Amino acid sequence: MASVKSEFDVDIVRSHFPALNSHTQVFLDNAGGSQVLGEVIDSITGYLHETNAQIYASYPVSQQSTSKYNQGLHAAAEFLNAEFSEIVIGPSTTQLFSNLSSSFALTFPPDSEFVLSTIDHEANISPWVRLAQARNFSVKWWTPSRSELKLTPENLRPLLSERTKLVACTHASNLTGTIHDIKAIAEEVHTVSGAVLCVDGVAYAPHREVDVKELGVDFYAFSWYKVYGPHIAVLYGSDQAQSWMASLGHYFHAPADTLSIKLGLAAASYELVAAIPSVLSYFGPDRKKTWKAIAAHEGKLQKILLEYLNNRNDVVIYGETSADADLRVPVISFSVKGKSSQNIVEMVETCSDYGIRSGHFYSKRAVDNLLGLKADGVIRVSMVHYNTENEVKGLVTVLDKVLA
């Protein structure tokens, strides 16, 4: 990040986020949406003050607006290590996946099979289920063991066949924080000719660098509003995978040679797209170094909470129980034997400024069918790099009081 030199400084980090300095709320529900960088807020305000005009016209202010908008698109592509032609911005990951499934409707053959993960956010499940139902395709459910809750090439392999056309899964679970080896999974998917991999990176992107070329994925999406930016999302689609898609754009938008034309359905919010370069600037000139520092700091945060939870006999942690930053991101879900998850959350809120949450978090198939927690789901604590060790230690103190 721009102000970090040789070591991670959480105080400098927090100075970039106005909300962290405006009240006493402690934000530990970040997987639902992060706080927004001050630089992003300034960019949005500046755009609306100075360059709020329809893009692609010839008059001066429109030309300025067009330039800012295109800079945002190029920044989004750079963030993913993608080409400009391979990304599209939309209002949410859910919407982008829905658009993507519609674009594929005319190109999958009649006997197609989809392999869908049962531990995913519903955004990367429902569109494919609807398409399968409409076209009479087969769906195979990719369900890991309850004890591990981890997607692997090994537990995917038996589900693949020559009829497999799409595999959909998450990079890191928004429920458990467990990281899946997407590069290895992509290699396994591509042993089937014509099969594509569609990855939900929403829970991963706030915590680690994303390189779609290195991962070898066909489609990858995440939401900027969970990566310290505006309330929009981005979808990557490789040029090769796009060759199998139909365009949803108007007939006169030809040739449909970019993902934005195929799926954009008119340009995304100009002022929000124009703010994306501010997110990239925040991570500094050496983003790899920044992400490494973030992972190290977040590893310390999750270690504090996981050590406490692992030492309680009445707590069940779902997914990866280790604090190893190579295995998980700091999204931690658990339940307490014999106690309501929602009641515990409310008790925490009553006696402290901590904001945590309970529920299924749109991974309802996993919570209901795999975990068997149909009542009020799990308790989820989701941290990011602007949280402090003292904040997490304070939460442990509050939980110890509430669970006594």
Protein backbone atom coordinates (compact mmCIF):
# COMPACT_ATOMS: atom_id res chain seq x y z
CA MET A 1 0.00 0.00 0.00
CA ALA A 2 1.15 3.44 -0.88
CA SER A 3 2.25 4.48 2.62
CA VAL A 4 3.74 1.17 3.75
CA LYS A 5 7.50 0.97 3.45
CA SER A 6 9.34 -2.08 4.77
CA GLU A 7 6.82 -3.32 7.34
CA PHE A 8 3.05 -3.54 7.64
CA ASP A 9 1.71 -0.66 9.72
CA VAL A 10 -1.94 -1.14 10.64
CA ASP A 11 -2.26 2.45 11.86
CA ILE A 12 -1.24 3.77 8.45
CA VAL A 13 -3.62 1.30 6.83
CA ARG A 14 -6.52 2.46 8.99
CA SER A 15 -5.84 6.10 8.16
CA HIS A 16 -7.00 5.34 4.59
CA PHE A 17 -10.50 4.35 5.78
CA PRO A 18 -12.61 7.27 7.10
CA ALA A 19 -15.27 5.01 8.63
CA LEU A 20 -12.72 3.44 10.97
CA ASN A 21 -12.03 6.81 12.52
CA SER A 22 -15.56 8.20 12.69
CA HIS A 23 -17.14 6.01 15.41
CA THR A 24 -16.48 3.15 17.82
CA GLN A 25 -18.01 0.31 15.79
CA VAL A 26 -15.60 -2.59 15.29
CA PHE A 27 -16.23 -4.08 11.86
CA LEU A 28 -15.89 -7.87 11.89
CA ASP A 29 -18.52 -8.54 9.22
CA ASN A 30 -16.19 -7.60 6.37
CA ALA A 31 -17.02 -10.59 4.17
CA GLY A 32 -20.40 -8.94 3.64
CA GLY A 33 -18.73 -5.73 2.51
CA SER A 34 -15.54 -3.94 3.46
CA GLN A 35 -15.13 -0.34 4.46
CA VAL A 36 -14.31 2.01 1.59
CA LEU A 37 -11.01 3.74 0.96
CA GLY A 38 -11.03 7.51 1.40
CA GLU A 39 -9.33 7.78 -1.99
CA VAL A 40 -12.28 5.94 -3.56
CA ILE A 41 -14.77 8.26 -1.86
CA ASP A 42 -12.82 11.29 -3.10
CA SER A 43 -12.70 9.87 -6.63
CA ILE A 44 -16.46 9.31 -6.76
CA THR A 45 -17.16 12.79 -5.40
CA GLY A 46 -14.68 14.39 -7.77
CA TYR A 47 -16.14 12.62 -10.78
CA LEU A 48 -19.67 13.77 -9.97
CA HIS A 49 -18.48 17.31 -9.32
CA GLU A 50 -16.31 17.69 -12.41
CA THR A 51 -16.91 15.10 -15.12
CA ASN A 52 -20.48 13.84 -14.76
CA ALA A 53 -21.44 13.43 -18.42
CA GLN A 54 -22.49 10.72 -20.84
CA ILE A 55 -19.41 8.95 -22.17
CA TYR A 56 -18.22 8.60 -25.77
CA ALA A 57 -19.46 12.00 -26.97
CA SER A 58 -17.08 14.49 -28.60
CA TYR A 59 -17.51 17.50 -26.30
CA PRO A 60 -14.71 18.12 -23.74
CA VAL A 61 -16.36 17.03 -20.49
CA SER A 62 -17.62 13.84 -22.10
CA GLN A 63 -14.11 13.14 -23.36
CA GLN A 64 -12.79 13.55 -19.80
CA SER A 65 -15.51 11.26 -18.49
CA THR A 66 -14.75 8.67 -21.16
CA SER A 67 -11.06 8.77 -20.26
CA LYS A 68 -11.78 8.22 -16.56
CA TYR A 69 -14.21 5.39 -17.33
CA ASN A 70 -11.74 3.60 -19.60
CA GLN A 71 -8.98 4.05 -17.03
CA GLY A 72 -11.25 2.24 -14.59
CA LEU A 73 -11.77 -0.66 -16.97
CA HIS A 74 -8.06 -0.96 -17.65
CA ALA A 75 -7.35 -0.89 -13.91
CA ALA A 76 -9.84 -3.70 -13.33
CA ALA A 77 -8.12 -5.78 -16.01
CA GLU A 78 -4.69 -5.01 -14.53
CA PHE A 79 -5.84 -6.06 -11.05
CA LEU A 80 -6.67 -9.53 -12.42
CA ASN A 81 -3.75 -9.72 -14.90
CA ALA A 82 -6.32 -9.88 -17.70
CA GLU A 83 -6.68 -8.17 -21.05
CA PHE A 84 -9.04 -5.23 -21.51
CA SER A 85 -11.21 -7.40 -23.78
CA GLU A 86 -11.59 -10.04 -21.06
CA ILE A 87 -13.40 -8.11 -18.32
CA VAL A 88 -16.84 -6.64 -17.73
CA ILE A 89 -18.11 -4.52 -14.84
CA GLY A 90 -21.58 -5.04 -13.38
CA PRO A 91 -23.62 -4.20 -10.29
CA SER A 92 -22.77 -7.42 -8.44
CA THR A 93 -21.13 -10.80 -8.84
CA THR A 94 -24.60 -12.35 -8.64
CA GLN A 95 -25.78 -10.29 -11.61
CA LEU A 96 -22.65 -10.98 -13.64
CA PHE A 97 -22.93 -14.74 -13.17
CA SER A 98 -26.59 -14.54 -14.15
CA ASN A 99 -25.67 -12.66 -17.32
CA LEU A 100 -22.93 -15.18 -18.03
CA SER A 101 -25.29 -18.15 -17.74
CA SER A 102 -27.68 -16.46 -20.15
CA SER A 103 -24.92 -15.90 -22.68
CA PHE A 104 -24.06 -19.59 -22.63
CA ALA A 105 -27.64 -20.73 -23.14
CA LEU A 106 -27.34 -21.02 -26.92
CA THR A 107 -23.97 -22.74 -27.05
CA PHE A 108 -23.95 -25.75 -24.70
CA PRO A 109 -24.89 -28.99 -26.49
CA PRO A 110 -28.08 -30.88 -25.49
CA ASP A 111 -26.39 -33.61 -23.42
CA SER A 112 -24.29 -31.24 -21.29
CA GLU A 113 -23.44 -31.88 -17.64
CA PHE A 114 -22.68 -29.24 -15.04
CA VAL A 115 -20.67 -29.89 -11.87
CA LEU A 116 -21.68 -27.48 -9.11
CA SER A 117 -20.20 -27.10 -5.64
CA THR A 118 -22.59 -27.47 -2.73
CA ILE A 119 -20.48 -25.21 -0.50
CA ASP A 120 -20.62 -22.17 -2.78
CA HIS A 121 -22.45 -18.90 -2.40
CA GLU A 122 -25.74 -19.22 -4.26
CA ALA A 123 -24.56 -16.64 -6.82
CA ASN A 124 -22.48 -19.33 -8.55
CA ILE A 125 -25.13 -22.04 -8.24
CA SER A 126 -28.61 -20.74 -9.05
CA PRO A 127 -27.82 -19.39 -12.55
CA TRP A 128 -26.46 -22.75 -13.62
CA VAL A 129 -29.31 -24.69 -12.00
CA ARG A 130 -31.83 -22.50 -13.85
CA LEU A 131 -29.99 -23.01 -17.14
CA ALA A 132 -29.81 -26.77 -16.59
CA GLN A 133 -33.53 -26.93 -15.85
CA ALA A 134 -34.40 -24.83 -18.90
CA ARG A 135 -32.25 -26.90 -21.26
CA ASN A 136 -32.67 -30.30 -19.60
CA PHE A 137 -28.97 -30.55 -18.76
CA SER A 138 -27.70 -32.79 -15.99
CA VAL A 139 -26.32 -31.43 -12.73
CA LYS A 140 -23.79 -33.28 -10.60
CA TRP A 141 -23.23 -31.98 -7.08
CA TRP A 142 -19.65 -31.59 -5.87
CA THR A 143 -19.89 -32.21 -2.13
CA PRO A 144 -16.77 -32.44 0.04
CA SER A 145 -16.67 -34.34 3.31
CA ARG A 146 -18.37 -32.62 6.23
CA SER A 147 -15.23 -32.91 8.32
CA GLU A 148 -12.99 -31.11 5.81
CA LEU A 149 -15.37 -28.96 3.73
CA LYS A 150 -12.69 -28.54 1.07
CA LEU A 151 -12.89 -28.80 -2.71
CA THR A 152 -9.98 -30.67 -4.28
CA PRO A 153 -9.07 -32.11 -7.69
CA GLU A 154 -9.34 -35.54 -6.08
CA ASN A 155 -12.96 -35.18 -4.97
CA LEU A 156 -13.84 -33.50 -8.27
CA ARG A 157 -12.35 -36.14 -10.55
CA PRO A 158 -15.07 -38.83 -10.14
CA LEU A 159 -17.72 -36.31 -11.21
CA LEU A 160 -16.13 -35.41 -14.54
CA SER A 161 -17.08 -37.07 -17.81
CA GLU A 162 -16.79 -36.37 -21.52
CA ARG A 163 -20.16 -34.60 -21.23
CA THR A 164 -18.94 -32.12 -18.60
CA LYS A 165 -19.19 -28.60 -19.97
CA LEU A 166 -19.00 -26.44 -16.85
CA VAL A 167 -17.59 -26.70 -13.34
CA ALA A 168 -18.46 -23.94 -10.86
CA CYS A 169 -16.79 -23.42 -7.51
CA THR A 170 -15.42 -20.88 -5.08
CA HIS A 171 -11.79 -19.84 -4.61
CA ALA A 172 -12.22 -19.38 -0.86
CA SER A 173 -15.41 -20.26 0.94
CA ASN A 174 -17.37 -17.24 2.16
CA LEU A 175 -18.59 -19.51 4.95
CA THR A 176 -15.42 -21.23 6.17
CA GLY A 177 -12.56 -19.18 4.72
CA THR A 178 -10.91 -22.36 3.40
CA ILE A 179 -8.78 -21.72 0.30
CA HIS A 180 -9.16 -24.11 -2.63
CA ASP A 181 -6.30 -24.88 -5.00
CA ILE A 182 -7.92 -23.33 -8.05
CA LYS A 183 -4.91 -23.80 -10.31
CA ALA A 184 -4.94 -27.56 -9.67
CA ILE A 185 -8.72 -27.68 -10.02
CA ALA A 186 -8.51 -25.81 -13.35
CA GLU A 187 -5.97 -28.31 -14.62
CA GLU A 188 -8.31 -31.15 -13.65
CA VAL A 189 -11.31 -29.52 -15.33
CA HIS A 190 -9.36 -28.97 -18.53
CA THR A 191 -8.58 -32.67 -18.87
CA VAL A 192 -12.10 -32.73 -20.35
CA SER A 193 -12.17 -31.24 -23.83
CA GLY A 194 -14.39 -28.16 -23.98
CA ALA A 195 -15.07 -27.96 -20.22
CA VAL A 196 -14.85 -24.54 -18.56
CA LEU A 197 -14.25 -23.49 -14.96
CA CYS A 198 -16.24 -20.62 -13.42
CA VAL A 199 -14.83 -19.37 -10.11
CA ASP A 200 -16.38 -17.16 -7.44
CA GLY A 201 -13.49 -15.14 -6.02
CA VAL A 202 -15.53 -12.83 -3.80
CA ALA A 203 -14.23 -14.21 -0.50
CA TYR A 204 -10.65 -14.56 -1.76
CA ALA A 205 -9.96 -11.25 -3.53
CA PRO A 206 -9.98 -9.04 -0.39
CA HIS A 207 -7.12 -11.09 1.06
CA ARG A 208 -4.82 -12.31 -1.71
CA GLU A 209 -3.54 -11.32 -5.13
CA VAL A 210 -5.56 -12.71 -8.05
CA ASP A 211 -3.81 -13.68 -11.29
CA VAL A 212 -6.28 -15.30 -13.64
CA LYS A 213 -3.61 -16.31 -16.12
CA GLU A 214 -1.59 -18.07 -13.46
CA LEU A 215 -4.71 -19.79 -12.14
CA GLY A 216 -5.74 -20.97 -15.61
CA VAL A 217 -9.44 -20.27 -15.04
CA ASP A 218 -11.99 -19.56 -17.76
CA PHE A 219 -14.22 -17.25 -15.72
CA TYR A 220 -13.57 -15.46 -12.44
CA ALA A 221 -15.61 -12.82 -10.61
CA PHE A 222 -15.44 -10.77 -7.44
CA SER A 223 -17.06 -7.68 -5.93
CA TRP A 224 -15.11 -4.44 -5.57
CA TYR A 225 -17.19 -3.41 -2.56
CA LYS A 226 -15.55 -6.24 -0.64
CA VAL A 227 -12.11 -5.16 -1.84
CA TYR A 228 -12.25 -1.66 -0.32
CA GLY A 229 -13.87 -0.09 -3.37
CA PRO A 230 -17.23 0.95 -4.85
CA HIS A 231 -20.38 -1.16 -4.95
CA ILE A 232 -19.76 -2.87 -8.29
CA ALA A 233 -18.26 -6.17 -9.42
CA VAL A 234 -16.00 -7.51 -12.16
CA LEU A 235 -16.11 -10.68 -14.24
CA TYR A 236 -13.18 -12.08 -16.19
CA GLY A 237 -13.73 -14.32 -19.19
CA SER A 238 -10.77 -15.58 -21.19
CA ASP A 239 -10.75 -14.76 -24.88
CA GLN A 240 -10.89 -18.48 -25.64
CA ALA A 241 -13.89 -19.09 -23.39
CA GLN A 242 -15.66 -16.11 -24.93
CA SER A 243 -15.58 -17.83 -28.31
CA TRP A 244 -18.21 -20.24 -26.97
CA MET A 245 -20.54 -17.48 -25.80
CA ALA A 246 -23.47 -15.72 -27.38
CA SER A 247 -23.63 -11.95 -26.95
CA LEU A 248 -26.42 -10.35 -24.95
CA GLY A 249 -25.65 -6.97 -26.49
CA HIS A 250 -27.62 -5.09 -29.13
CA TYR A 251 -27.35 -6.43 -32.68
CA PHE A 252 -25.59 -3.29 -33.92
CA HIS A 253 -22.76 -3.74 -31.39
CA ALA A 254 -20.70 -5.75 -33.81
CA PRO A 255 -18.30 -7.28 -33.72
CA ALA A 256 -18.92 -8.35 -30.11
CA ASP A 257 -15.20 -8.63 -29.47
CA THR A 258 -15.04 -7.79 -25.76
CA LEU A 259 -16.69 -9.25 -22.70
CA SER A 260 -18.13 -5.82 -21.92
CA ILE A 261 -20.03 -5.81 -25.21
CA LYS A 262 -21.21 -9.38 -24.72
CA LEU A 263 -22.40 -9.05 -21.13
CA GLY A 264 -22.25 -5.38 -20.11
CA LEU A 265 -25.81 -4.48 -21.14
CA ALA A 266 -24.93 -0.77 -21.21
CA ALA A 267 -22.01 0.72 -19.35
CA ALA A 268 -21.65 0.29 -15.60
CA SER A 269 -21.96 3.24 -13.21
CA TYR A 270 -19.43 5.74 -14.55
CA GLU A 271 -18.39 7.30 -11.26
CA LEU A 272 -17.89 3.91 -9.62
CA VAL A 273 -15.85 2.45 -12.46
CA ALA A 274 -13.73 5.60 -12.49
CA ALA A 275 -12.84 4.95 -8.84
CA ILE A 276 -11.23 1.54 -9.47
CA PRO A 277 -7.75 2.98 -10.15
CA SER A 278 -7.83 4.38 -6.60
CA VAL A 279 -8.08 0.81 -5.27
CA LEU A 280 -5.05 -0.28 -7.28
CA SER A 281 -3.06 2.77 -6.18
CA TYR A 282 -3.74 1.89 -2.55
CA PHE A 283 -1.86 -1.38 -2.94
CA GLY A 284 1.24 0.48 -4.08
CA PRO A 285 3.77 -0.11 -6.86
CA ASP A 286 4.74 -3.58 -5.60
CA ARG A 287 1.39 -5.29 -5.14
CA LYS A 288 2.94 -8.71 -4.57
CA LYS A 289 4.83 -7.34 -1.57
CA THR A 290 1.69 -5.65 -0.28
CA TRP A 291 -0.43 -8.79 -0.55
CA LYS A 292 2.29 -10.79 1.20
CA ALA A 293 2.26 -8.28 4.08
CA ILE A 294 -1.54 -8.43 4.23
CA ALA A 295 -1.53 -12.23 4.40
CA ALA A 296 1.02 -12.18 7.23
CA HIS A 297 -1.00 -9.67 9.25
CA GLU A 298 -4.28 -11.48 8.67
CA GLY A 299 -2.61 -14.72 9.71
CA LYS A 300 -1.94 -13.15 13.11
CA LEU A 301 -5.54 -12.02 13.41
CA GLN A 302 -7.06 -15.40 12.66
CA LYS A 303 -4.56 -17.18 14.91
CA ILE A 304 -5.84 -15.24 17.94
CA LEU A 305 -9.47 -16.17 17.33
CA LEU A 306 -8.85 -19.74 16.19
CA GLU A 307 -6.66 -20.55 19.19
CA TYR A 308 -9.47 -19.43 21.48
CA LEU A 309 -12.18 -21.32 19.60
CA ASN A 310 -10.09 -24.48 19.23
CA ASN A 311 -9.57 -24.58 22.99
CA ARG A 312 -13.29 -24.58 23.75
CA ASN A 313 -15.02 -27.96 23.96
CA ASP A 314 -18.42 -26.42 23.26
CA VAL A 315 -17.44 -24.81 19.93
CA VAL A 316 -17.53 -26.38 16.47
CA ILE A 317 -15.38 -24.64 13.83
CA TYR A 318 -16.46 -25.27 10.25
CA GLY A 319 -13.77 -25.80 7.63
CA GLU A 320 -10.06 -25.26 8.13
CA THR A 321 -9.16 -25.08 11.84
CA SER A 322 -5.53 -24.10 11.27
CA ALA A 323 -4.46 -20.44 11.22
CA ASP A 324 -2.02 -21.14 8.38
CA ALA A 325 -2.49 -18.27 5.89
CA ASP A 326 -1.72 -20.64 3.01
CA LEU A 327 -4.79 -22.68 3.92
CA ARG A 328 -7.39 -20.08 4.81
CA VAL A 329 -8.41 -16.44 4.83
CA PRO A 330 -9.72 -14.82 8.05
CA VAL A 331 -13.36 -15.69 7.51
CA ILE A 332 -14.23 -17.94 10.44
CA SER A 333 -17.56 -19.65 11.06
CA PHE A 334 -18.51 -21.64 14.14
CA SER A 335 -21.42 -22.66 16.30
CA VAL A 336 -21.76 -23.29 20.02
CA LYS A 337 -23.31 -26.54 21.18
CA GLY A 338 -26.77 -26.08 22.61
CA LYS A 339 -26.91 -22.36 21.91
CA SER A 340 -28.53 -20.21 19.26
CA SER A 341 -26.08 -18.52 16.89
CA GLN A 342 -28.26 -15.44 16.56
CA ASN A 343 -28.68 -15.13 20.33
CA ILE A 344 -24.92 -15.18 20.79
CA VAL A 345 -24.48 -12.47 18.15
CA GLU A 346 -27.11 -10.31 19.85
CA MET A 347 -25.45 -10.78 23.24
CA VAL A 348 -22.10 -9.71 21.77
CA GLU A 349 -23.72 -6.61 20.27
CA THR A 350 -25.48 -5.77 23.54
CA CYS A 351 -22.32 -5.67 25.60
CA SER A 352 -19.78 -4.38 23.07
CA ASP A 353 -19.16 -2.44 19.86
CA TYR A 354 -18.32 -5.59 17.90
CA GLY A 355 -20.22 -6.21 14.67
CA ILE A 356 -20.38 -9.91 13.81
CA ARG A 357 -23.18 -11.90 12.25
CA SER A 358 -25.07 -15.18 12.09
CA GLY A 359 -26.90 -16.98 9.30
CA HIS A 360 -26.19 -18.93 6.13
CA PHE A 361 -24.56 -16.08 4.17
CA TYR A 362 -26.09 -17.29 0.91
CA SER A 363 -24.30 -20.63 1.29
CA LYS A 364 -27.63 -22.06 2.33
CA ARG A 365 -27.22 -25.45 0.66
CA ALA A 366 -24.08 -26.04 2.73
CA VAL A 367 -25.56 -24.78 6.00
CA ASP A 368 -28.84 -26.69 5.61
CA ASN A 369 -27.81 -29.92 3.94
CA LEU A 370 -24.14 -30.43 4.76
CA LEU A 371 -23.85 -28.86 8.21
CA GLY A 372 -27.44 -29.54 9.27
CA LEU A 373 -27.83 -26.08 10.80
CA LYS A 374 -31.23 -25.10 9.47
CA ALA A 375 -32.31 -22.89 12.39
CA ASP A 376 -30.08 -19.84 12.50
CA GLY A 377 -26.90 -21.07 10.89
CA VAL A 378 -23.36 -20.25 11.96
CA ILE A 379 -21.68 -17.37 13.72
CA ARG A 380 -19.29 -15.71 11.28
CA VAL A 381 -16.39 -13.44 12.14
CA SER A 382 -14.75 -12.01 9.03
CA MET A 383 -11.62 -9.94 9.38
CA VAL A 384 -9.51 -7.99 6.90
CA HIS A 385 -6.14 -6.27 7.05
CA TYR A 386 -7.40 -3.05 8.64
CA ASN A 387 -8.53 -4.94 11.72
CA THR A 388 -6.08 -5.00 14.61
CA GLU A 389 -4.81 -7.69 16.93
CA ASN A 390 -6.25 -5.76 19.87
CA GLU A 391 -9.67 -5.77 18.24
CA VAL A 392 -9.58 -9.55 17.90
CA LYS A 393 -8.28 -9.99 21.45
CA GLY A 394 -11.15 -7.80 22.60
CA LEU A 395 -13.63 -10.00 20.75
CA VAL A 396 -12.19 -13.06 22.48
CA THR A 397 -12.76 -11.37 25.84
CA VAL A 398 -16.36 -10.56 24.91
CA LEU A 399 -17.02 -14.10 23.62
CA ASP A 400 -15.56 -15.57 26.78
CA LYS A 401 -18.01 -13.49 28.79
CA VAL A 402 -21.00 -14.27 26.58
CA LEU A 403 -20.31 -18.02 26.44
CA ALA A 404 -19.59 -18.39 30.15
